[in-house]
C-alpha atoms as a PDB file:
ATOM      1  CA  MET A   1      18.758  -5.121   3.463  1.00  0.00           C
ATOM      2  CA  LYS A   2      17.490  -1.516   3.577  1.00  0.00           C
ATOM      3  CA  PHE A   3      14.739  -0.828   1.056  1.00  0.00           C
ATOM      4  CA  ILE A   4      13.077   2.304   2.433  1.00  0.00           C
ATOM      5  CA  GLU A   5      14.719   5.034   4.471  1.00  0.00           C
ATOM      6  CA  LEU A   6      13.313   8.317   5.686  1.00  0.00           C
ATOM      7  CA  LYS A   7      15.913  10.722   7.060  1.00  0.00           C
ATOM      8  CA  ASN A   8      14.842  13.731   9.153  1.00  0.00           C
ATOM      9  CA  VAL A   9      11.660  14.167   7.132  1.00  0.00           C
ATOM     10  CA  ASN A  10       9.438  17.168   7.770  1.00  0.00           C
ATOM     11  CA  LYS A  11       6.226  17.990   5.952  1.00  0.00           C
ATOM     12  CA  VAL A  12       4.529  21.330   6.471  1.00  0.00           C
ATOM     13  CA  TYR A  13       1.489  22.044   4.306  1.00  0.00           C
ATOM     14  CA  SER A  14       0.701  25.482   2.888  1.00  0.00           C
ATOM     15  CA  THR A  15      -1.962  25.838   5.608  1.00  0.00           C
ATOM     16  CA  GLY A  16       0.817  25.790   8.188  1.00  0.00           C
ATOM     17  CA  VAL A  17      -0.113  22.305   9.463  1.00  0.00           C
ATOM     18  CA  THR A  18       2.884  20.103  10.270  1.00  0.00           C
ATOM     19  CA  ALA A  19       2.026  16.584   9.094  1.00  0.00           C
ATOM     20  CA  LEU A  20       5.414  14.984   9.788  1.00  0.00           C
ATOM     21  CA  ALA A  21       8.115  16.230  12.139  1.00  0.00           C
ATOM     22  CA  ASP A  22      11.756  15.118  11.927  1.00  0.00           C
ATOM     23  CA  MET A  23      10.849  11.536  11.064  1.00  0.00           C
ATOM     24  CA  SER A  24      13.600   8.965  10.539  1.00  0.00           C
ATOM     25  CA  VAL A  25      12.892   5.273   9.936  1.00  0.00           C
ATOM     26  CA  THR A  26      14.242   2.383   7.862  1.00  0.00           C
ATOM     27  CA  ILE A  27      12.323  -0.565   6.439  1.00  0.00           C
ATOM     28  CA  ASP A  28      14.038  -3.657   5.073  1.00  0.00           C
ATOM     29  CA  LYS A  29      13.237  -5.407   1.829  1.00  0.00           C
ATOM     30  CA  GLY A  30      10.480  -7.984   2.358  1.00  0.00           C
ATOM     31  CA  ASP A  31       9.194  -6.449   5.611  1.00  0.00           C
ATOM     32  CA  PHE A  32       5.503  -6.245   6.516  1.00  0.00           C
ATOM     33  CA  VAL A  33       4.829  -3.016   8.429  1.00  0.00           C
ATOM     34  CA  PHE A  34       1.636  -1.580   9.885  1.00  0.00           C
ATOM     35  CA  VAL A  35       1.388   2.207  10.251  1.00  0.00           C
ATOM     36  CA  ILE A  36      -1.085   3.213  12.949  1.00  0.00           C
ATOM     37  CA  GLY A  37      -2.261   6.406  14.628  1.00  0.00           C
ATOM     38  CA  HIS A  38      -5.304   8.571  15.142  1.00  0.00           C
ATOM     39  CA  THR A  39      -7.022  10.322  12.231  1.00  0.00           C
ATOM     40  CA  ALA A  40      -4.822  13.216  11.000  1.00  0.00           C
ATOM     41  CA  SER A  41      -1.806  11.782  12.834  1.00  0.00           C
ATOM     42  CA  GLY A  42       0.311  11.818   9.666  1.00  0.00           C
ATOM     43  CA  LYS A  43      -0.209   8.224   8.463  1.00  0.00           C
ATOM     44  CA  SER A  44      -1.500   9.158   5.024  1.00  0.00           C
ATOM     45  CA  THR A  45       1.220  11.732   4.494  1.00  0.00           C
ATOM     46  CA  PHE A  46       3.820   9.105   5.389  1.00  0.00           C
ATOM     47  CA  ILE A  47       2.282   6.697   2.871  1.00  0.00           C
ATOM     48  CA  LYS A  48       2.016   9.331   0.130  1.00  0.00           C
ATOM     49  CA  MET A  49       5.695  10.224   0.517  1.00  0.00           C
ATOM     50  CA  LEU A  50       6.663   6.735  -0.611  1.00  0.00           C
ATOM     51  CA  TYR A  51       4.985   6.939  -4.013  1.00  0.00           C
ATOM     52  CA  ARG A  52       5.665  10.670  -4.403  1.00  0.00           C
ATOM     53  CA  GLU A  53       2.098  11.890  -4.063  1.00  0.00           C
ATOM     54  CA  GLU A  54       3.639  14.310  -1.548  1.00  0.00           C
ATOM     55  CA  LYS A  55       7.154  15.722  -1.240  1.00  0.00           C
ATOM     56  CA  PRO A  56       8.853  16.490   2.082  1.00  0.00           C
ATOM     57  CA  THR A  57       9.477  20.075   3.089  1.00  0.00           C
ATOM     58  CA  LYS A  58      12.800  18.877   4.435  1.00  0.00           C
ATOM     59  CA  GLY A  59      14.697  15.595   4.553  1.00  0.00           C
ATOM     60  CA  SER A  60      15.077  12.623   2.210  1.00  0.00           C
ATOM     61  CA  VAL A  61      12.834   9.704   1.275  1.00  0.00           C
ATOM     62  CA  ILE A  62      14.783   6.785  -0.197  1.00  0.00           C
ATOM     63  CA  VAL A  63      12.862   3.974  -1.923  1.00  0.00           C
ATOM     64  CA  GLY A  64      14.890   1.211  -3.565  1.00  0.00           C
ATOM     65  CA  GLY A  65      17.992   3.372  -3.598  1.00  0.00           C
ATOM     66  CA  VAL A  66      16.224   6.370  -5.181  1.00  0.00           C
ATOM     67  CA  ASN A  67      15.691   9.648  -3.334  1.00  0.00           C
ATOM     68  CA  VAL A  68      12.099  10.160  -4.436  1.00  0.00           C
ATOM     69  CA  ALA A  69      12.009  13.572  -2.756  1.00  0.00           C
ATOM     70  CA  LYS A  70      14.386  14.859  -5.451  1.00  0.00           C
ATOM     71  CA  LEU A  71      12.897  12.895  -8.327  1.00  0.00           C
ATOM     72  CA  ARG A  72      11.946  15.061 -11.286  1.00  0.00           C
ATOM     73  CA  ASN A  73       8.223  15.058 -12.044  1.00  0.00           C
ATOM     74  CA  GLY A  74       8.866  13.466 -15.421  1.00  0.00           C
ATOM     75  CA  ARG A  75      10.510  10.466 -13.723  1.00  0.00           C
ATOM     76  CA  VAL A  76       7.821   9.769 -11.136  1.00  0.00           C
ATOM     77  CA  PHE A  77       5.994   7.338 -13.438  1.00  0.00           C
ATOM     78  CA  LYS A  78       9.048   5.069 -13.450  1.00  0.00           C
ATOM     79  CA  LEU A  79       9.010   4.958  -9.656  1.00  0.00           C
ATOM     80  CA  ARG A  80       5.309   4.081  -9.608  1.00  0.00           C
ATOM     81  CA  ARG A  81       5.830   1.177 -11.993  1.00  0.00           C
ATOM     82  CA  LYS A  82       7.663  -0.517  -9.130  1.00  0.00           C
ATOM     83  CA  ILE A  83       4.989   0.267  -6.527  1.00  0.00           C
ATOM     84  CA  GLY A  84       1.475  -1.140  -6.137  1.00  0.00           C
ATOM     85  CA  VAL A  85      -1.118   0.853  -4.192  1.00  0.00           C
ATOM     86  CA  VAL A  86      -4.416  -0.398  -2.728  1.00  0.00           C
ATOM     87  CA  PHE A  87      -6.925   2.117  -1.369  1.00  0.00           C
ATOM     88  CA  GLN A  88      -9.975   1.889   0.901  1.00  0.00           C
ATOM     89  CA  ASP A  89     -12.303   2.799  -1.954  1.00  0.00           C
ATOM     90  CA  PHE A  90     -11.935   0.332  -4.781  1.00  0.00           C
ATOM     91  CA  LYS A  91     -11.564   2.727  -7.735  1.00  0.00           C
ATOM     92  CA  LEU A  92     -12.572   0.040 -10.250  1.00  0.00           C
ATOM     93  CA  LEU A  93     -13.773   0.982 -13.710  1.00  0.00           C
ATOM     94  CA  PRO A  94     -17.454  -0.072 -13.665  1.00  0.00           C
ATOM     95  CA  LYS A  95     -17.782  -0.887 -17.370  1.00  0.00           C
ATOM     96  CA  LEU A  96     -14.727  -3.167 -17.442  1.00  0.00           C
ATOM     97  CA  THR A  97     -14.584  -6.826 -16.380  1.00  0.00           C
ATOM     98  CA  VAL A  98     -12.255  -8.149 -13.699  1.00  0.00           C
ATOM     99  CA  TYR A  99      -9.750  -9.115 -16.388  1.00  0.00           C
ATOM    100  CA  GLU A 100     -10.024  -5.747 -18.123  1.00  0.00           C
ATOM    101  CA  ASN A 101      -9.636  -3.771 -14.878  1.00  0.00           C
ATOM    102  CA  VAL A 102      -6.412  -5.603 -14.049  1.00  0.00           C
ATOM    103  CA  ALA A 103      -5.129  -5.485 -17.647  1.00  0.00           C
ATOM    104  CA  PHE A 104      -5.768  -1.736 -17.843  1.00  0.00           C
ATOM    105  CA  ALA A 105      -2.842  -1.089 -15.503  1.00  0.00           C
ATOM    106  CA  LEU A 106      -0.472  -2.804 -17.941  1.00  0.00           C
ATOM    107  CA  GLU A 107      -2.034  -1.223 -21.012  1.00  0.00           C
ATOM    108  CA  CYS A 108      -1.239   2.161 -19.498  1.00  0.00           C
ATOM    109  CA  LEU A 109       2.407   1.072 -19.366  1.00  0.00           C
ATOM    110  CA  GLY A 110       2.348   0.233 -23.071  1.00  0.00           C
ATOM    111  CA  LEU A 111       2.681  -3.541 -22.820  1.00  0.00           C
ATOM    112  CA  LYS A 112       1.511  -5.706 -25.719  1.00  0.00           C
ATOM    113  CA  GLY A 113      -1.457  -8.065 -25.464  1.00  0.00           C
ATOM    114  CA  SER A 114       0.768 -11.145 -25.595  1.00  0.00           C
ATOM    115  CA  GLU A 115       2.679  -9.829 -22.575  1.00  0.00           C
ATOM    116  CA  ILE A 116      -0.409  -8.733 -20.693  1.00  0.00           C
ATOM    117  CA  ARG A 117      -2.498 -11.915 -20.570  1.00  0.00           C
ATOM    118  CA  PRO A 118      -0.114 -14.184 -18.582  1.00  0.00           C
ATOM    119  CA  LYS A 119       0.610 -11.410 -16.070  1.00  0.00           C
ATOM    120  CA  VAL A 120      -3.085 -10.638 -15.572  1.00  0.00           C
ATOM    121  CA  MET A 121      -4.091 -14.279 -15.164  1.00  0.00           C
ATOM    122  CA  LYS A 122      -1.286 -14.856 -12.655  1.00  0.00           C
ATOM    123  CA  ALA A 123      -2.358 -11.857 -10.562  1.00  0.00           C
ATOM    124  CA  ILE A 124      -6.031 -12.867 -10.683  1.00  0.00           C
ATOM    125  CA  GLU A 125      -5.140 -16.407  -9.626  1.00  0.00           C
ATOM    126  CA  ILE A 126      -3.039 -15.135  -6.699  1.00  0.00           C
ATOM    127  CA  VAL A 127      -6.050 -13.267  -5.292  1.00  0.00           C
ATOM    128  CA  GLY A 128      -8.401 -16.221  -5.875  1.00  0.00           C
ATOM    129  CA  LEU A 129     -10.668 -14.780  -8.568  1.00  0.00           C
ATOM    130  CA  LYS A 130      -9.941 -17.085 -11.485  1.00  0.00           C
ATOM    131  CA  GLU A 131     -13.635 -17.930 -11.818  1.00  0.00           C
ATOM    132  CA  LYS A 132     -14.622 -14.254 -11.930  1.00  0.00           C
ATOM    133  CA  VAL A 133     -12.490 -12.977 -14.819  1.00  0.00           C
ATOM    134  CA  ARG A 134     -15.534 -12.039 -16.934  1.00  0.00           C
ATOM    135  CA  SER A 135     -17.537 -10.504 -14.083  1.00  0.00           C
ATOM    136  CA  PHE A 136     -18.167  -6.774 -13.767  1.00  0.00           C
ATOM    137  CA  PRO A 137     -17.601  -4.855 -10.508  1.00  0.00           C
ATOM    138  CA  HIS A 138     -21.331  -4.599  -9.715  1.00  0.00           C
ATOM    139  CA  GLN A 139     -21.527  -8.408  -9.803  1.00  0.00           C
ATOM    140  CA  LEU A 140     -18.883  -8.765  -7.097  1.00  0.00           C
ATOM    141  CA  SER A 141     -18.996  -8.530  -3.311  1.00  0.00           C
ATOM    142  CA  GLY A 142     -16.971  -5.850  -1.534  1.00  0.00           C
ATOM    143  CA  GLY A 143     -14.277  -8.377  -0.682  1.00  0.00           C
ATOM    144  CA  GLU A 144     -14.077  -9.554  -4.281  1.00  0.00           C
ATOM    145  CA  GLN A 145     -13.788  -5.991  -5.515  1.00  0.00           C
ATOM    146  CA  GLN A 146     -10.898  -5.387  -3.140  1.00  0.00           C
ATOM    147  CA  ARG A 147      -9.226  -8.563  -4.434  1.00  0.00           C
ATOM    148  CA  VAL A 148      -9.447  -7.107  -7.942  1.00  0.00           C
ATOM    149  CA  CYS A 149      -7.765  -3.959  -6.648  1.00  0.00           C
ATOM    150  CA  ILE A 150      -4.983  -6.037  -5.131  1.00  0.00           C
ATOM    151  CA  ALA A 151      -4.552  -7.984  -8.378  1.00  0.00           C
ATOM    152  CA  ARG A 152      -4.306  -4.685 -10.258  1.00  0.00           C
ATOM    153  CA  ALA A 153      -1.711  -3.438  -7.767  1.00  0.00           C
ATOM    154  CA  ILE A 154       0.537  -6.516  -8.074  1.00  0.00           C
ATOM    155  CA  VAL A 155       0.087  -7.291 -11.793  1.00  0.00           C
ATOM    156  CA  ASN A 156       3.381  -5.592 -12.657  1.00  0.00           C
ATOM    157  CA  GLU A 157       5.167  -7.512  -9.864  1.00  0.00           C
ATOM    158  CA  PRO A 158       6.059  -4.443  -7.771  1.00  0.00           C
ATOM    159  CA  LYS A 159       8.770  -4.524  -5.136  1.00  0.00           C
ATOM    160  CA  LEU A 160       6.552  -2.505  -2.780  1.00  0.00           C
ATOM    161  CA  LEU A 161       2.837  -2.851  -2.018  1.00  0.00           C
ATOM    162  CA  ILE A 162       1.292   0.111  -0.195  1.00  0.00           C
ATOM    163  CA  CYS A 163      -2.130  -0.416   1.382  1.00  0.00           C
ATOM    164  CA  ASP A 164      -4.046   2.596   2.694  1.00  0.00           C
ATOM    165  CA  GLU A 165      -6.923   1.335   4.893  1.00  0.00           C
ATOM    166  CA  PRO A 166      -7.657  -1.604   2.514  1.00  0.00           C
ATOM    167  CA  THR A 167     -10.180  -3.184   4.885  1.00  0.00           C
ATOM    168  CA  GLY A 168     -11.915   0.059   5.883  1.00  0.00           C
ATOM    169  CA  ASN A 169     -15.101  -0.723   3.931  1.00  0.00           C
ATOM    170  CA  LEU A 170     -15.223  -4.444   4.711  1.00  0.00           C
ATOM    171  CA  ASP A 171     -16.808  -6.576   7.430  1.00  0.00           C
ATOM    172  CA  PRO A 172     -14.497  -8.424   9.880  1.00  0.00           C
ATOM    173  CA  ASP A 173     -14.660 -11.837   8.169  1.00  0.00           C
ATOM    174  CA  THR A 174     -13.992 -10.367   4.734  1.00  0.00           C
ATOM    175  CA  SER A 175     -11.165  -8.283   6.200  1.00  0.00           C
ATOM    176  CA  LYS A 176      -9.503 -11.455   7.463  1.00  0.00           C
ATOM    177  CA  GLU A 177      -9.656 -12.988   3.997  1.00  0.00           C
ATOM    178  CA  ILE A 178      -8.175  -9.877   2.399  1.00  0.00           C
ATOM    179  CA  MET A 179      -5.334  -9.872   4.922  1.00  0.00           C
ATOM    180  CA  LYS A 180      -4.577 -13.519   4.112  1.00  0.00           C
ATOM    181  CA  VAL A 181      -4.168 -12.506   0.472  1.00  0.00           C
ATOM    182  CA  ILE A 182      -1.882  -9.578   1.357  1.00  0.00           C
ATOM    183  CA  GLU A 183       0.175 -11.703   3.738  1.00  0.00           C
ATOM    184  CA  SER A 184       0.643 -14.403   1.090  1.00  0.00           C
ATOM    185  CA  ILE A 185       1.876 -11.760  -1.368  1.00  0.00           C
ATOM    186  CA  ASN A 186       4.399 -10.638   1.235  1.00  0.00           C
ATOM    187  CA  LYS A 187       5.597 -14.181   1.931  1.00  0.00           C
ATOM    188  CA  ASP A 188       5.389 -15.845  -1.470  1.00  0.00           C
ATOM    189  CA  LEU A 189       6.381 -12.957  -3.730  1.00  0.00           C
ATOM    190  CA  LYS A 190       8.805 -11.389  -1.208  1.00  0.00           C
ATOM    191  CA  THR A 191       6.999  -8.070  -1.695  1.00  0.00           C
ATOM    192  CA  THR A 192       7.552  -5.365   0.911  1.00  0.00           C
ATOM    193  CA  VAL A 193       4.162  -4.405   2.382  1.00  0.00           C
ATOM    194  CA  ILE A 194       3.351  -1.162   4.202  1.00  0.00           C
ATOM    195  CA  MET A 195      -0.195  -0.807   5.434  1.00  0.00           C
ATOM    196  CA  ALA A 196      -1.876   2.140   7.137  1.00  0.00           C
ATOM    197  CA  THR A 197      -4.867   0.989   9.179  1.00  0.00           C
ATOM    198  CA  HIS A 198      -7.244   1.694  12.057  1.00  0.00           C
ATOM    199  CA  ASP A 199      -8.202  -2.002  12.304  1.00  0.00           C
ATOM    200  CA  LYS A 200      -7.051  -2.994  15.779  1.00  0.00           C
ATOM    201  CA  ASP A 201      -8.080  -6.643  15.416  1.00  0.00           C
ATOM    202  CA  ILE A 202      -5.927  -7.155  12.328  1.00  0.00           C
ATOM    203  CA  VAL A 203      -2.876  -5.457  13.855  1.00  0.00           C
ATOM    204  CA  ASN A 204      -3.202  -7.346  17.153  1.00  0.00           C
ATOM    205  CA  ARG A 205      -3.759 -10.699  15.451  1.00  0.00           C
ATOM    206  CA  MET A 206      -0.966 -10.560  12.876  1.00  0.00           C
ATOM    207  CA  LYS A 207       1.884  -9.432  15.148  1.00  0.00           C
ATOM    208  CA  LYS A 208       3.895  -7.637  12.472  1.00  0.00           C
ATOM    209  CA  ARG A 209       6.138  -4.623  12.864  1.00  0.00           C
ATOM    210  CA  VAL A 210       4.127  -1.570  13.946  1.00  0.00           C
ATOM    211  CA  LEU A 211       5.001   2.110  13.465  1.00  0.00           C
ATOM    212  CA  LEU A 212       3.000   4.461  15.676  1.00  0.00           C
ATOM    213  CA  ILE A 213       2.646   8.055  14.479  1.00  0.00           C
ATOM    214  CA  GLU A 214       1.176  10.746  16.742  1.00  0.00           C
ATOM    215  CA  HIS A 215       0.814  14.371  15.678  1.00  0.00           C
ATOM    216  CA  GLY A 216       3.362  13.810  12.917  1.00  0.00           C
ATOM    217  CA  VAL A 217       5.950  12.254  15.213  1.00  0.00           C
ATOM    218  CA  LEU A 218       7.093   8.631  15.134  1.00  0.00           C
ATOM    219  CA  THR A 219       6.529   7.721  18.797  1.00  0.00           C
ATOM    220  CA  GLY A 220       6.730   3.929  18.578  1.00  0.00           C
ATOM    221  CA  ASP A 221       8.426   1.227  16.506  1.00  0.00           C
ATOM    222  CA  TYR A 222       7.507  -2.271  17.672  1.00  0.00           C
ATOM    223  CA  LEU A 223       8.559  -5.648  16.292  1.00  0.00           C
ATOM    224  CA  LYS A 224       5.641  -8.096  16.449  1.00  0.00           C
ATOM    225  CA  GLY A 225       3.659  -5.159  17.781  1.00  0.00           C
ATOM    226  CA  SER A 226       0.024  -4.500  18.571  1.00  0.00           C
ATOM    227  CA  TYR A 227      -2.387  -1.616  19.021  1.00  0.00           C
ATOM    228  CA  LYS A 228      -2.016  -1.799  22.831  1.00  0.00           C
ATOM    229  CA  ALA A 229       0.551   0.983  23.114  1.00  0.00           C
ATOM    230  CA  HIS A 230      -1.743   3.184  21.049  1.00  0.00           C
ATOM    231  CA  GLU A 231      -4.919   2.278  22.934  1.00  0.00           C
ATOM    232  CA  SER A 232      -3.572   3.680  26.178  1.00  0.00           C
ATOM    233  CA  ASN A 233      -3.511   7.210  24.749  1.00  0.00           C
END
């Protein structure tokens, strides 16, 4: 079942740089997709299109049946309620506990306290931080902080989880643990996962679908792919 579809998407920035060129790709509901490519290849632009941080110069970007490219600015918040995003830098609020950081996402949506608590505790349990609910970010390891970010991203049970270099600041062992969490979210919650990464070991080990972007062009689409096709360039 199609969940995401890009049709003939071009993105040209005001500087004249072409970030994406005539890109067309479909992603099914529940898929796990890696997006790889060199720095400045267009990976981040591709990712940002999905949650309407960027708009295409030409073409359409369909997410869950909605053409987000034509979405009015006042409606973007409704789209983002259905999307969780995890970044390389943790972006946690330092003066809030684990619980409060995760709950903050729901408070911003206007949910009541009685609605918030069960959702927050479920998300924290999924990422394995039940014993850390009262801890502050500075009391956590890098891997634990990223788990909080993941909990915050999934607390509203999004249909799509976007991960932009989520293991970029982590050591290899911690990266493996984080990927186990993300993979379980994909499998157990049936959440579509799209992850931009430079981590060759993770891509090669997990054997998921791989999209290769080079100079803004989709040059490879591999089922159970690896970084090998990319490494030869």
